[in-house]
Amino acid sequence: MKICPQCDCRLEAKDFSKDKSRPDGRRPDCKRCVHARWEKWYKRNRSKVVSRVARWRKANPTRKASPDSQWRKKSFKNLAEWQAWNRKRERQRIKNKRTYYSQKRKHLLNQRRKYYLDDPEKFRRRAKEYRKLNQGVVRRWRRRNADKIRDGNRLWRQRNPAKVKEAKRRSYLRHAAEIKARKHAEYWANPEKFRARKRKGT
């Protein structure tokens, strides 16, 4: 099962298009949302699409007159040759996608941050549901990235001392009774130790 970030629906893997550049081999948004987005985009850009198709047909008159299957037979000796060409094209597409991301990384991150700030509760709810449905995946990721998580948490605490202090205060208030009871038990288990510590402090 997988959650579509556009419609928040929990769907089967088959409802997501394949994408070799993704860790799970599937696009993040479902086929239905992709289709709806494409239709919306097509309505806004119909004239551009029509003119582009006309230019392509004019530049490729042989391909225009024959179906794709016939074009493959004319352009490639056998199926294996066409598959090799297709794999090469897919690798180049993935490479171009990664190059684009590396060049536009800052802009894309700012867009993602803005999208998150518009409705943070939606993202928290989605993340919580994902962790619940993919507990094994989350555990394995945490084990593989333990150092990364620890460094990230340390950096966040250094940058947000006020939030850390407030979190500690809330945690203490939430567990005040348990803390007092534990300290009380520790004191009466060895009162001399605490008296000596108090005398040393004074």
C-alpha atoms as a PDB file:
ATOM      1  CA  MET A   1       0.000   0.000   0.000  1.00  0.00           C
ATOM      2  CA  LYS A   2       1.078   3.556  -0.742  1.00  0.00           C
ATOM      3  CA  ILE A   3      -0.369   6.994   0.033  1.00  0.00           C
ATOM      4  CA  CYS A   4      -0.760   9.523  -2.764  1.00  0.00           C
ATOM      5  CA  PRO A   5       0.363  13.002  -1.575  1.00  0.00           C
ATOM      6  CA  GLN A   6      -2.147  14.727  -3.879  1.00  0.00           C
ATOM      7  CA  CYS A   7      -5.423  13.032  -2.910  1.00  0.00           C
ATOM      8  CA  ASP A   8      -4.329  11.409   0.409  1.00  0.00           C
ATOM      9  CA  CYS A   9      -5.736   8.055  -0.758  1.00  0.00           C
ATOM     10  CA  ARG A  10      -4.199   4.733   0.246  1.00  0.00           C
ATOM     11  CA  LEU A  11      -3.811   2.702  -2.948  1.00  0.00           C
ATOM     12  CA  GLU A  12      -2.157  -0.414  -4.328  1.00  0.00           C
ATOM     13  CA  ALA A  13       1.265  -0.211  -6.014  1.00  0.00           C
ATOM     14  CA  LYS A  14      -0.337  -0.896  -9.404  1.00  0.00           C
ATOM     15  CA  ASP A  15      -2.219   2.424  -9.136  1.00  0.00           C
ATOM     16  CA  PHE A  16       1.117   4.295  -9.379  1.00  0.00           C
ATOM     17  CA  SER A  17       3.111   4.572 -12.604  1.00  0.00           C
ATOM     18  CA  LYS A  18       6.599   3.080 -12.768  1.00  0.00           C
ATOM     19  CA  ASP A  19       9.608   5.341 -12.221  1.00  0.00           C
ATOM     20  CA  LYS A  20      13.084   3.794 -12.040  1.00  0.00           C
ATOM     21  CA  SER A  21      14.569   6.925 -10.462  1.00  0.00           C
ATOM     22  CA  ARG A  22      12.459   6.406  -7.299  1.00  0.00           C
ATOM     23  CA  PRO A  23      13.555   4.120  -4.420  1.00  0.00           C
ATOM     24  CA  ASP A  24      10.385   2.016  -4.652  1.00  0.00           C
ATOM     25  CA  GLY A  25      10.251   2.126  -8.469  1.00  0.00           C
ATOM     26  CA  ARG A  26       6.933   4.028  -8.523  1.00  0.00           C
ATOM     27  CA  ARG A  27       5.884   7.640  -8.925  1.00  0.00           C
ATOM     28  CA  PRO A  28       4.815   9.403  -5.702  1.00  0.00           C
ATOM     29  CA  ASP A  29       1.404  10.511  -7.052  1.00  0.00           C
ATOM     30  CA  CYS A  30      -1.228   8.072  -8.322  1.00  0.00           C
ATOM     31  CA  LYS A  31      -2.278   7.630 -11.952  1.00  0.00           C
ATOM     32  CA  ARG A  32      -5.629   9.299 -11.362  1.00  0.00           C
ATOM     33  CA  CYS A  33      -4.027  12.485  -9.966  1.00  0.00           C
ATOM     34  CA  VAL A  34      -1.444  12.548 -12.750  1.00  0.00           C
ATOM     35  CA  HIS A  35      -4.187  12.243 -15.348  1.00  0.00           C
ATOM     36  CA  ALA A  36      -6.260  14.998 -13.720  1.00  0.00           C
ATOM     37  CA  ARG A  37      -3.221  17.284 -13.538  1.00  0.00           C
ATOM     38  CA  TRP A  38      -2.364  16.555 -17.171  1.00  0.00           C
ATOM     39  CA  GLU A  39      -5.897  17.361 -18.308  1.00  0.00           C
ATOM     40  CA  LYS A  40      -5.819  20.635 -16.406  1.00  0.00           C
ATOM     41  CA  TRP A  41      -2.432  21.532 -17.897  1.00  0.00           C
ATOM     42  CA  TYR A  42      -3.570  20.549 -21.403  1.00  0.00           C
ATOM     43  CA  LYS A  43      -6.580  22.855 -21.218  1.00  0.00           C
ATOM     44  CA  ARG A  44      -4.300  25.783 -20.322  1.00  0.00           C
ATOM     45  CA  ASN A  45      -1.647  24.944 -22.940  1.00  0.00           C
ATOM     46  CA  ARG A  46      -3.655  23.381 -25.784  1.00  0.00           C
ATOM     47  CA  SER A  47      -2.422  25.843 -28.422  1.00  0.00           C
ATOM     48  CA  LYS A  48       1.219  25.186 -27.522  1.00  0.00           C
ATOM     49  CA  VAL A  49       0.716  21.410 -27.735  1.00  0.00           C
ATOM     50  CA  VAL A  50      -1.041  21.618 -31.095  1.00  0.00           C
ATOM     51  CA  SER A  51       1.696  23.815 -32.597  1.00  0.00           C
ATOM     52  CA  ARG A  52       4.453  21.587 -31.217  1.00  0.00           C
ATOM     53  CA  VAL A  53       2.830  18.438 -32.630  1.00  0.00           C
ATOM     54  CA  ALA A  54       2.434  20.154 -36.005  1.00  0.00           C
ATOM     55  CA  ARG A  55       6.128  21.107 -36.049  1.00  0.00           C
ATOM     56  CA  TRP A  56       7.152  17.573 -35.099  1.00  0.00           C
ATOM     57  CA  ARG A  57       4.997  16.017 -37.831  1.00  0.00           C
ATOM     58  CA  LYS A  58       6.463  18.379 -40.370  1.00  0.00           C
ATOM     59  CA  ALA A  59      10.010  17.476 -39.288  1.00  0.00           C
ATOM     60  CA  ASN A  60       9.236  13.720 -39.188  1.00  0.00           C
ATOM     61  CA  PRO A  61       6.976  12.904 -42.152  1.00  0.00           C
ATOM     62  CA  THR A  62       7.952   9.203 -42.244  1.00  0.00           C
ATOM     63  CA  ARG A  63       7.063   8.602 -38.627  1.00  0.00           C
ATOM     64  CA  LYS A  64       3.826  10.540 -38.967  1.00  0.00           C
ATOM     65  CA  ALA A  65       2.482   8.138 -41.581  1.00  0.00           C
ATOM     66  CA  SER A  66       3.350   4.880 -39.790  1.00  0.00           C
ATOM     67  CA  PRO A  67       2.402   3.476 -36.381  1.00  0.00           C
ATOM     68  CA  ASP A  68       5.070   3.124 -33.685  1.00  0.00           C
ATOM     69  CA  SER A  69       5.358  -0.647 -34.185  1.00  0.00           C
ATOM     70  CA  GLN A  70       6.144  -0.187 -37.892  1.00  0.00           C
ATOM     71  CA  TRP A  71       8.580   2.621 -37.092  1.00  0.00           C
ATOM     72  CA  ARG A  72      10.451   0.319 -34.705  1.00  0.00           C
ATOM     73  CA  LYS A  73      10.700  -2.383 -37.370  1.00  0.00           C
ATOM     74  CA  LYS A  74      12.164   0.119 -39.837  1.00  0.00           C
ATOM     75  CA  SER A  75      14.547   1.763 -37.368  1.00  0.00           C
ATOM     76  CA  PHE A  76      15.873  -1.299 -35.484  1.00  0.00           C
ATOM     77  CA  LYS A  77      17.036  -4.721 -36.651  1.00  0.00           C
ATOM     78  CA  ASN A  78      15.384  -6.624 -33.805  1.00  0.00           C
ATOM     79  CA  LEU A  79      13.569  -6.215 -30.506  1.00  0.00           C
ATOM     80  CA  ALA A  80      16.781  -6.470 -28.463  1.00  0.00           C
ATOM     81  CA  GLU A  81      18.270  -3.492 -30.293  1.00  0.00           C
ATOM     82  CA  TRP A  82      15.153  -1.413 -29.644  1.00  0.00           C
ATOM     83  CA  GLN A  83      15.166  -2.414 -25.952  1.00  0.00           C
ATOM     84  CA  ALA A  84      18.840  -1.401 -25.637  1.00  0.00           C
ATOM     85  CA  TRP A  85      18.054   1.974 -27.228  1.00  0.00           C
ATOM     86  CA  ASN A  86      15.101   2.425 -24.897  1.00  0.00           C
ATOM     87  CA  ARG A  87      17.205   1.595 -21.818  1.00  0.00           C
ATOM     88  CA  LYS A  88      19.837   4.099 -22.913  1.00  0.00           C
ATOM     89  CA  ARG A  89      17.163   6.752 -23.363  1.00  0.00           C
ATOM     90  CA  GLU A  90      15.768   5.986 -19.886  1.00  0.00           C
ATOM     91  CA  ARG A  91      19.227   6.274 -18.308  1.00  0.00           C
ATOM     92  CA  GLN A  92      19.716   9.622 -20.009  1.00  0.00           C
ATOM     93  CA  ARG A  93      16.312  10.805 -18.778  1.00  0.00           C
ATOM     94  CA  ILE A  94      17.223   9.913 -15.187  1.00  0.00           C
ATOM     95  CA  LYS A  95      20.610  11.612 -15.566  1.00  0.00           C
ATOM     96  CA  ASN A  96      18.939  14.776 -16.891  1.00  0.00           C
ATOM     97  CA  LYS A  97      16.475  14.704 -14.007  1.00  0.00           C
ATOM     98  CA  ARG A  98      19.292  14.476 -11.437  1.00  0.00           C
ATOM     99  CA  THR A  99      21.247  17.230 -13.176  1.00  0.00           C
ATOM    100  CA  TYR A 100      18.175  19.481 -13.134  1.00  0.00           C
ATOM    101  CA  TYR A 101      17.658  18.815  -9.412  1.00  0.00           C
ATOM    102  CA  SER A 102      21.310  19.580  -8.571  1.00  0.00           C
ATOM    103  CA  GLN A 103      21.081  22.875 -10.501  1.00  0.00           C
ATOM    104  CA  LYS A 104      17.678  23.906  -9.076  1.00  0.00           C
ATOM    105  CA  ARG A 105      18.054  22.340  -5.617  1.00  0.00           C
ATOM    106  CA  LYS A 106      17.713  25.582  -3.639  1.00  0.00           C
ATOM    107  CA  HIS A 107      14.648  26.689  -5.591  1.00  0.00           C
ATOM    108  CA  LEU A 108      12.969  23.272  -5.261  1.00  0.00           C
ATOM    109  CA  LEU A 109      13.652  23.130  -1.518  1.00  0.00           C
ATOM    110  CA  ASN A 110      12.143  26.592  -1.061  1.00  0.00           C
ATOM    111  CA  GLN A 111       9.042  25.491  -2.982  1.00  0.00           C
ATOM    112  CA  ARG A 112       8.732  22.369  -0.841  1.00  0.00           C
ATOM    113  CA  ARG A 113       9.157  24.414   2.345  1.00  0.00           C
ATOM    114  CA  LYS A 114       6.461  26.877   1.231  1.00  0.00           C
ATOM    115  CA  TYR A 115       4.117  23.982   0.386  1.00  0.00           C
ATOM    116  CA  TYR A 116       4.740  22.502   3.843  1.00  0.00           C
ATOM    117  CA  LEU A 117       4.129  25.783   5.684  1.00  0.00           C
ATOM    118  CA  ASP A 118       0.770  26.208   3.917  1.00  0.00           C
ATOM    119  CA  ASP A 119      -0.600  23.148   5.756  1.00  0.00           C
ATOM    120  CA  PRO A 120       1.927  21.520   8.157  1.00  0.00           C
ATOM    121  CA  GLU A 121      -0.753  19.435   9.878  1.00  0.00           C
ATOM    122  CA  LYS A 122      -1.462  17.627   6.600  1.00  0.00           C
ATOM    123  CA  PHE A 123       2.191  16.579   6.301  1.00  0.00           C
ATOM    124  CA  ARG A 124       2.393  15.458   9.953  1.00  0.00           C
ATOM    125  CA  ARG A 125      -0.733  13.337   9.528  1.00  0.00           C
ATOM    126  CA  ARG A 126       0.579  11.807   6.314  1.00  0.00           C
ATOM    127  CA  ALA A 127       4.011  11.073   7.860  1.00  0.00           C
ATOM    128  CA  LYS A 128       2.399   9.440  10.887  1.00  0.00           C
ATOM    129  CA  GLU A 129       0.222   7.235   8.689  1.00  0.00           C
ATOM    130  CA  TYR A 130       3.197   6.300   6.504  1.00  0.00           C
ATOM    131  CA  ARG A 131       5.252   5.241   9.539  1.00  0.00           C
ATOM    132  CA  LYS A 132       2.358   3.156  10.790  1.00  0.00           C
ATOM    133  CA  LEU A 133       1.961   1.353   7.439  1.00  0.00           C
ATOM    134  CA  ASN A 134       5.711   0.931   6.817  1.00  0.00           C
ATOM    135  CA  GLN A 135       7.181   0.153  10.220  1.00  0.00           C
ATOM    136  CA  GLY A 136       9.722  -2.326   8.837  1.00  0.00           C
ATOM    137  CA  VAL A 137      10.968   0.128   6.211  1.00  0.00           C
ATOM    138  CA  VAL A 138      11.262   2.910   8.812  1.00  0.00           C
ATOM    139  CA  ARG A 139      13.205   0.659  11.231  1.00  0.00           C
ATOM    140  CA  ARG A 140      15.659  -0.412   8.525  1.00  0.00           C
ATOM    141  CA  TRP A 141      16.154   3.195   7.414  1.00  0.00           C
ATOM    142  CA  ARG A 142      16.809   4.304  11.000  1.00  0.00           C
ATOM    143  CA  ARG A 143      19.385   1.537  11.491  1.00  0.00           C
ATOM    144  CA  ARG A 144      21.193   2.440   8.266  1.00  0.00           C
ATOM    145  CA  ASN A 145      21.150   6.199   9.056  1.00  0.00           C
ATOM    146  CA  ALA A 146      21.702   6.208  12.832  1.00  0.00           C
ATOM    147  CA  ASP A 147      24.691   8.565  12.606  1.00  0.00           C
ATOM    148  CA  LYS A 148      22.835  10.919  10.277  1.00  0.00           C
ATOM    149  CA  ILE A 149      19.827  11.055  12.630  1.00  0.00           C
ATOM    150  CA  ARG A 150      22.046  11.666  15.673  1.00  0.00           C
ATOM    151  CA  ASP A 151      23.972  14.483  13.947  1.00  0.00           C
ATOM    152  CA  GLY A 152      20.746  16.055  12.701  1.00  0.00           C
ATOM    153  CA  ASN A 153      19.188  15.987  16.177  1.00  0.00           C
ATOM    154  CA  ARG A 154      22.323  17.527  17.707  1.00  0.00           C
ATOM    155  CA  LEU A 155      22.366  20.282  15.104  1.00  0.00           C
ATOM    156  CA  TRP A 156      18.660  21.005  15.646  1.00  0.00           C
ATOM    157  CA  ARG A 157      19.189  21.292  19.431  1.00  0.00           C
ATOM    158  CA  GLN A 158      22.069  23.724  18.914  1.00  0.00           C
ATOM    159  CA  ARG A 159      19.969  25.900  16.602  1.00  0.00           C
ATOM    160  CA  ASN A 160      16.812  25.823  18.771  1.00  0.00           C
ATOM    161  CA  PRO A 161      17.849  26.125  22.456  1.00  0.00           C
ATOM    162  CA  ALA A 162      14.588  27.844  23.401  1.00  0.00           C
ATOM    163  CA  LYS A 163      12.498  25.000  21.931  1.00  0.00           C
ATOM    164  CA  VAL A 164      14.681  22.422  23.707  1.00  0.00           C
ATOM    165  CA  LYS A 165      14.203  24.227  27.016  1.00  0.00           C
ATOM    166  CA  GLU A 166      10.439  24.407  26.498  1.00  0.00           C
ATOM    167  CA  ALA A 167      10.281  20.709  25.569  1.00  0.00           C
ATOM    168  CA  LYS A 168      12.182  19.780  28.743  1.00  0.00           C
ATOM    169  CA  ARG A 169       9.817  21.917  30.816  1.00  0.00           C
ATOM    170  CA  ARG A 170       6.738  20.262  29.292  1.00  0.00           C
ATOM    171  CA  SER A 171       8.278  16.815  29.759  1.00  0.00           C
ATOM    172  CA  TYR A 172       9.002  17.562  33.421  1.00  0.00           C
ATOM    173  CA  LEU A 173       5.461  18.800  34.053  1.00  0.00           C
ATOM    174  CA  ARG A 174       4.054  15.717  32.333  1.00  0.00           C
ATOM    175  CA  HIS A 175       6.169  13.326  34.454  1.00  0.00           C
ATOM    176  CA  ALA A 176       6.554  15.430  37.619  1.00  0.00           C
ATOM    177  CA  ALA A 177       4.890  12.873  39.893  1.00  0.00           C
ATOM    178  CA  GLU A 178       7.039  10.007  38.580  1.00  0.00           C
ATOM    179  CA  ILE A 179      10.257  12.040  38.922  1.00  0.00           C
ATOM    180  CA  LYS A 180       9.471  13.043  42.511  1.00  0.00           C
ATOM    181  CA  ALA A 181       8.586   9.469  43.429  1.00  0.00           C
ATOM    182  CA  ARG A 182      11.840   8.157  41.898  1.00  0.00           C
ATOM    183  CA  LYS A 183      13.949  10.764  43.696  1.00  0.00           C
ATOM    184  CA  HIS A 184      12.150  10.000  46.950  1.00  0.00           C
ATOM    185  CA  ALA A 185      12.870   6.280  46.567  1.00  0.00           C
ATOM    186  CA  GLU A 186      16.537   6.945  45.685  1.00  0.00           C
ATOM    187  CA  TYR A 187      16.939   9.164  48.738  1.00  0.00           C
ATOM    188  CA  TRP A 188      15.538   6.658  51.221  1.00  0.00           C
ATOM    189  CA  ALA A 189      17.511   3.810  49.646  1.00  0.00           C
ATOM    190  CA  ASN A 190      20.773   5.619  50.583  1.00  0.00           C
ATOM    191  CA  PRO A 191      20.129   8.808  52.598  1.00  0.00           C
ATOM    192  CA  GLU A 192      23.781   9.163  53.731  1.00  0.00           C
ATOM    193  CA  LYS A 193      24.898   9.563  50.130  1.00  0.00           C
ATOM    194  CA  PHE A 194      22.550  12.531  49.603  1.00  0.00           C
ATOM    195  CA  ARG A 195      23.489  14.115  52.983  1.00  0.00           C
ATOM    196  CA  ALA A 196      27.195  13.876  52.143  1.00  0.00           C
ATOM    197  CA  ARG A 197      26.544  15.415  48.730  1.00  0.00           C
ATOM    198  CA  LYS A 198      24.590  18.266  50.337  1.00  0.00           C
ATOM    199  CA  ARG A 199      27.376  18.941  52.894  1.00  0.00           C
ATOM    200  CA  LYS A 200      29.965  18.939  50.104  1.00  0.00           C
ATOM    201  CA  GLY A 201      27.890  21.405  48.134  1.00  0.00           C
ATOM    202  CA  THR A 202      27.635  23.774  51.087  1.00  0.00           C
END
